[in-house]
Amino acid sequence: MPSQVAQAKAFKKPSRWARLPIALRVGAFLIALILLMVLAGYFGGWLDQVLSVLLEALYALPALLIALLLAAIFNPGVTTSMVAIGLSAVPAFARVARASVLSVKTLPYIEAARALGMGNGRIMLRHVLPNIMGPLVVQASLAFAVAILAEAALSYLGLGTQPPNPSWGRMLREAQSYQELTPYPVIFPGLAIGLAVLGFNLLGDGLRDYLDPRKRS
């Protein structure tokens, strides 16, 4: 039988790149749902109504609550946190995409493109999608701030990132044992979370002002 030393040498820590396919799947699902909402918002009909009702029901639930439910069902870890936080962001992105399409498709240049005989596919690729990217970029920057808070909350509750992987939320949880001796182990992780969230919120506000043609003019 192999010795414990040989087993330890044979064991390899999972690579960070092994988590990349999970991130790609979550991202692909998010993009596919956004495109589906773009199509539903552009063409309307029963599909738009059904998806709107489902998304409004999901949007009524806090994103952190959705992440907590998903993380509690599956085993805690980085992968579970990524999937839970990614899926909890879907309703907000889909809602922004649909609202942007409904606003853009009634503009005069869309009607002019239809009058010139341009097909729906070409209109969406050349006129609709480029003009809804601004709100989606702003939503993405704000979603990063929510994701930081959600990951910290999951790790603090023991449902997120597990040792030896670092996490601000887990650092806060472990620092509670020493806060009577010194406050610094609690202050610095909390300060890092606050600054990161504030930074992404300011980035979202700046992008919103920059991408708003009314303010730029």
Protein backbone atom coordinates (compact mmCIF):
# COMPACT_ATOMS: atom_id res chain seq x y z
CA MET A 1 0.00 0.00 0.00
CA PRO A 2 1.31 3.49 -0.76
CA SER A 3 2.55 5.45 2.19
CA GLN A 4 0.94 8.65 3.41
CA VAL A 5 3.87 10.61 2.02
CA ALA A 6 3.35 9.10 -1.42
CA GLN A 7 -0.36 9.81 -1.25
CA ALA A 8 0.32 13.40 -0.23
CA LYS A 9 2.69 13.84 -3.17
CA ALA A 10 0.18 12.29 -5.55
CA PHE A 11 -2.57 14.63 -4.35
CA LYS A 12 -2.78 17.85 -6.27
CA LYS A 13 -4.79 20.83 -5.22
CA PRO A 14 -7.53 21.64 -7.76
CA SER A 15 -6.39 24.30 -10.16
CA ARG A 16 -8.13 27.65 -10.27
CA TRP A 17 -8.53 27.08 -13.99
CA ALA A 18 -10.74 24.08 -13.18
CA ARG A 19 -13.38 26.52 -11.95
CA LEU A 20 -13.32 28.45 -15.21
CA PRO A 21 -15.86 26.18 -17.00
CA ILE A 22 -18.36 26.82 -14.19
CA ALA A 23 -17.92 30.57 -14.60
CA LEU A 24 -18.32 30.21 -18.37
CA ARG A 25 -21.51 28.20 -17.95
CA VAL A 26 -23.03 30.75 -15.61
CA GLY A 27 -21.98 33.57 -17.93
CA ALA A 28 -23.33 31.75 -20.99
CA PHE A 29 -26.65 31.14 -19.22
CA LEU A 30 -26.87 34.80 -18.26
CA ILE A 31 -26.11 35.96 -21.81
CA ALA A 32 -28.59 33.46 -23.30
CA LEU A 33 -31.36 34.65 -20.97
CA ILE A 34 -30.61 38.29 -21.75
CA LEU A 35 -30.80 37.56 -25.49
CA LEU A 36 -34.06 35.68 -24.92
CA MET A 37 -35.50 38.69 -23.10
CA VAL A 38 -34.29 40.95 -25.91
CA LEU A 39 -36.15 38.81 -28.45
CA ALA A 40 -39.24 38.61 -26.24
CA GLY A 41 -39.25 42.37 -25.66
CA TYR A 42 -38.76 43.12 -29.35
CA PHE A 43 -41.42 40.78 -30.74
CA GLY A 44 -43.80 40.77 -27.76
CA GLY A 45 -46.55 38.18 -27.58
CA TRP A 46 -47.21 35.39 -25.10
CA LEU A 47 -43.52 34.58 -24.57
CA ASP A 48 -42.85 38.13 -23.41
CA GLN A 49 -45.80 38.01 -21.03
CA VAL A 50 -44.81 34.65 -19.51
CA LEU A 51 -41.16 35.60 -19.06
CA SER A 52 -42.12 38.97 -17.60
CA VAL A 53 -44.34 37.36 -14.96
CA LEU A 54 -41.64 34.84 -14.01
CA LEU A 55 -38.93 37.48 -13.80
CA GLU A 56 -41.10 39.83 -11.76
CA ALA A 57 -41.74 37.00 -9.30
CA LEU A 58 -38.00 36.30 -9.03
CA TYR A 59 -37.17 40.00 -8.84
CA ALA A 60 -39.47 40.34 -5.84
CA LEU A 61 -37.10 38.05 -3.92
CA PRO A 62 -33.85 39.63 -2.68
CA ALA A 63 -30.79 38.47 -4.61
CA LEU A 64 -29.03 37.55 -1.38
CA LEU A 65 -31.96 35.33 -0.35
CA ILE A 66 -31.79 33.45 -3.67
CA ALA A 67 -28.04 32.99 -3.23
CA LEU A 68 -28.54 31.73 0.34
CA LEU A 69 -31.15 29.19 -0.77
CA LEU A 70 -28.97 27.83 -3.57
CA ALA A 71 -25.87 27.72 -1.39
CA ALA A 72 -27.76 25.89 1.37
CA ILE A 73 -29.01 23.23 -1.05
CA PHE A 74 -25.59 22.38 -2.51
CA ASN A 75 -22.22 21.83 -0.86
CA PRO A 76 -20.48 25.04 0.26
CA GLY A 77 -17.55 26.15 -1.85
CA VAL A 78 -16.30 28.56 -4.48
CA THR A 79 -18.26 26.86 -7.26
CA THR A 80 -21.52 26.97 -5.31
CA SER A 81 -20.96 30.65 -4.51
CA MET A 82 -20.30 31.47 -8.18
CA VAL A 83 -23.42 29.67 -9.37
CA ALA A 84 -25.64 31.05 -6.60
CA ILE A 85 -24.50 34.65 -7.02
CA GLY A 86 -24.62 34.42 -10.83
CA LEU A 87 -28.15 33.02 -10.91
CA SER A 88 -29.36 35.55 -8.35
CA ALA A 89 -28.25 38.34 -10.72
CA VAL A 90 -30.29 36.99 -13.65
CA PRO A 91 -33.64 38.72 -12.89
CA ALA A 92 -32.11 42.20 -12.67
CA PHE A 93 -30.15 41.82 -15.92
CA ALA A 94 -33.14 40.38 -17.79
CA ARG A 95 -35.42 43.15 -16.52
CA VAL A 96 -32.99 45.87 -17.61
CA ALA A 97 -32.58 44.24 -21.03
CA ARG A 98 -36.33 43.99 -21.62
CA ALA A 99 -37.02 47.56 -20.47
CA SER A 100 -34.24 48.89 -22.72
CA VAL A 101 -35.58 47.02 -25.75
CA LEU A 102 -39.11 48.28 -25.15
CA SER A 103 -37.74 51.83 -25.03
CA VAL A 104 -35.50 51.52 -28.09
CA LYS A 105 -37.86 49.70 -30.46
CA THR A 106 -40.32 52.64 -30.53
CA LEU A 107 -37.71 55.25 -31.50
CA PRO A 108 -38.00 56.98 -34.90
CA TYR A 109 -34.85 55.48 -36.42
CA ILE A 110 -36.20 51.96 -35.82
CA GLU A 111 -39.38 52.89 -37.67
CA ALA A 112 -37.27 54.40 -40.44
CA ALA A 113 -35.24 51.19 -40.73
CA ARG A 114 -38.44 49.16 -41.05
CA ALA A 115 -39.75 51.57 -43.69
CA LEU A 116 -36.56 51.03 -45.70
CA GLY A 117 -37.22 47.29 -45.72
CA MET A 118 -34.57 46.27 -43.19
CA GLY A 119 -35.25 42.87 -41.60
CA ASN A 120 -35.80 42.30 -37.90
CA GLY A 121 -32.51 40.45 -37.48
CA ARG A 122 -30.50 43.25 -39.03
CA ILE A 123 -32.37 45.88 -37.01
CA MET A 124 -31.60 44.06 -33.78
CA LEU A 125 -27.91 43.59 -34.59
CA ARG A 126 -27.24 47.08 -35.93
CA HIS A 127 -29.61 49.27 -33.94
CA VAL A 128 -31.20 47.56 -30.92
CA LEU A 129 -28.31 45.65 -29.32
CA PRO A 130 -25.73 48.49 -29.56
CA ASN A 131 -28.17 50.92 -27.97
CA ILE A 132 -29.04 48.72 -24.99
CA MET A 133 -25.43 47.91 -24.06
CA GLY A 134 -25.09 51.09 -21.98
CA PRO A 135 -27.71 50.14 -19.35
CA LEU A 136 -26.40 46.57 -19.27
CA VAL A 137 -22.82 47.75 -18.64
CA VAL A 138 -24.04 49.96 -15.80
CA GLN A 139 -26.04 47.06 -14.37
CA ALA A 140 -22.95 44.84 -14.57
CA SER A 141 -20.87 47.28 -12.54
CA LEU A 142 -23.59 47.51 -9.89
CA ALA A 143 -23.98 43.71 -9.90
CA PHE A 144 -20.31 43.37 -8.94
CA ALA A 145 -21.00 45.35 -5.77
CA VAL A 146 -23.96 43.11 -4.93
CA ALA A 147 -21.85 40.03 -5.68
CA ILE A 148 -19.14 41.15 -3.25
CA LEU A 149 -21.71 41.59 -0.47
CA ALA A 150 -23.38 38.27 -1.31
CA GLU A 151 -20.09 36.35 -1.32
CA ALA A 152 -19.04 37.93 1.97
CA ALA A 153 -22.40 37.04 3.52
CA LEU A 154 -22.26 33.44 2.27
CA SER A 155 -18.70 32.98 3.53
CA TYR A 156 -19.56 34.58 6.87
CA LEU A 157 -22.39 32.06 7.32
CA GLY A 158 -20.14 29.16 6.29
CA LEU A 159 -21.97 28.57 2.98
CA GLY A 160 -19.44 30.20 0.67
CA THR A 161 -15.71 29.96 0.13
CA GLN A 162 -14.04 27.35 2.31
CA PRO A 163 -10.44 27.21 3.61
CA PRO A 164 -7.72 27.37 2.40
CA ASN A 165 -9.24 29.81 -0.11
CA PRO A 166 -9.36 33.36 1.29
CA SER A 167 -12.58 35.30 1.74
CA TRP A 168 -13.35 38.61 3.43
CA GLY A 169 -16.55 37.22 4.89
CA ARG A 170 -14.78 34.26 6.46
CA MET A 171 -12.06 36.57 7.78
CA LEU A 172 -14.77 38.56 9.57
CA ARG A 173 -16.24 35.39 11.04
CA GLU A 174 -12.91 34.13 12.33
CA ALA A 175 -11.93 37.59 13.63
CA GLN A 176 -14.90 37.66 16.01
CA SER A 177 -12.96 35.49 18.43
CA TYR A 178 -10.27 38.15 18.76
CA GLN A 179 -12.29 41.36 18.67
CA GLU A 180 -12.13 41.73 22.46
CA LEU A 181 -8.33 41.66 22.28
CA THR A 182 -7.88 43.88 19.23
CA PRO A 183 -10.35 45.34 16.71
CA TYR A 184 -8.01 45.29 13.71
CA PRO A 185 -8.83 41.75 12.47
CA VAL A 186 -12.46 42.89 12.13
CA ILE A 187 -11.82 46.41 10.85
CA PHE A 188 -9.67 45.64 7.84
CA PRO A 189 -11.84 42.95 6.15
CA GLY A 190 -14.94 45.09 6.75
CA LEU A 191 -13.15 48.14 5.39
CA ALA A 192 -12.06 46.20 2.31
CA ILE A 193 -15.64 45.07 1.64
CA GLY A 194 -16.99 48.59 2.10
CA LEU A 195 -14.39 50.19 -0.18
CA ALA A 196 -14.88 47.56 -2.89
CA VAL A 197 -18.67 47.99 -2.86
CA LEU A 198 -18.35 51.78 -2.82
CA GLY A 199 -15.89 51.67 -5.71
CA PHE A 200 -18.16 49.59 -7.94
CA ASN A 201 -21.16 51.79 -7.07
CA LEU A 202 -19.21 54.91 -8.01
CA LEU A 203 -18.09 53.19 -11.21
CA GLY A 204 -21.71 52.41 -12.04
CA ASP A 205 -22.76 56.02 -11.43
CA GLY A 206 -19.90 57.28 -13.59
CA LEU A 207 -20.71 54.89 -16.43
CA ARG A 208 -24.38 55.84 -16.26
CA ASP A 209 -23.54 59.53 -16.60
CA TYR A 210 -20.99 58.88 -19.35
CA LEU A 211 -23.28 56.64 -21.41
CA ASP A 212 -26.31 58.93 -21.05
CA PRO A 213 -26.46 60.98 -24.28
CA ARG A 214 -28.60 63.67 -22.63
CA LYS A 215 -25.92 64.42 -20.04
CA ARG A 216 -23.08 64.18 -22.55
CA SER A 217 -24.73 66.75 -24.79
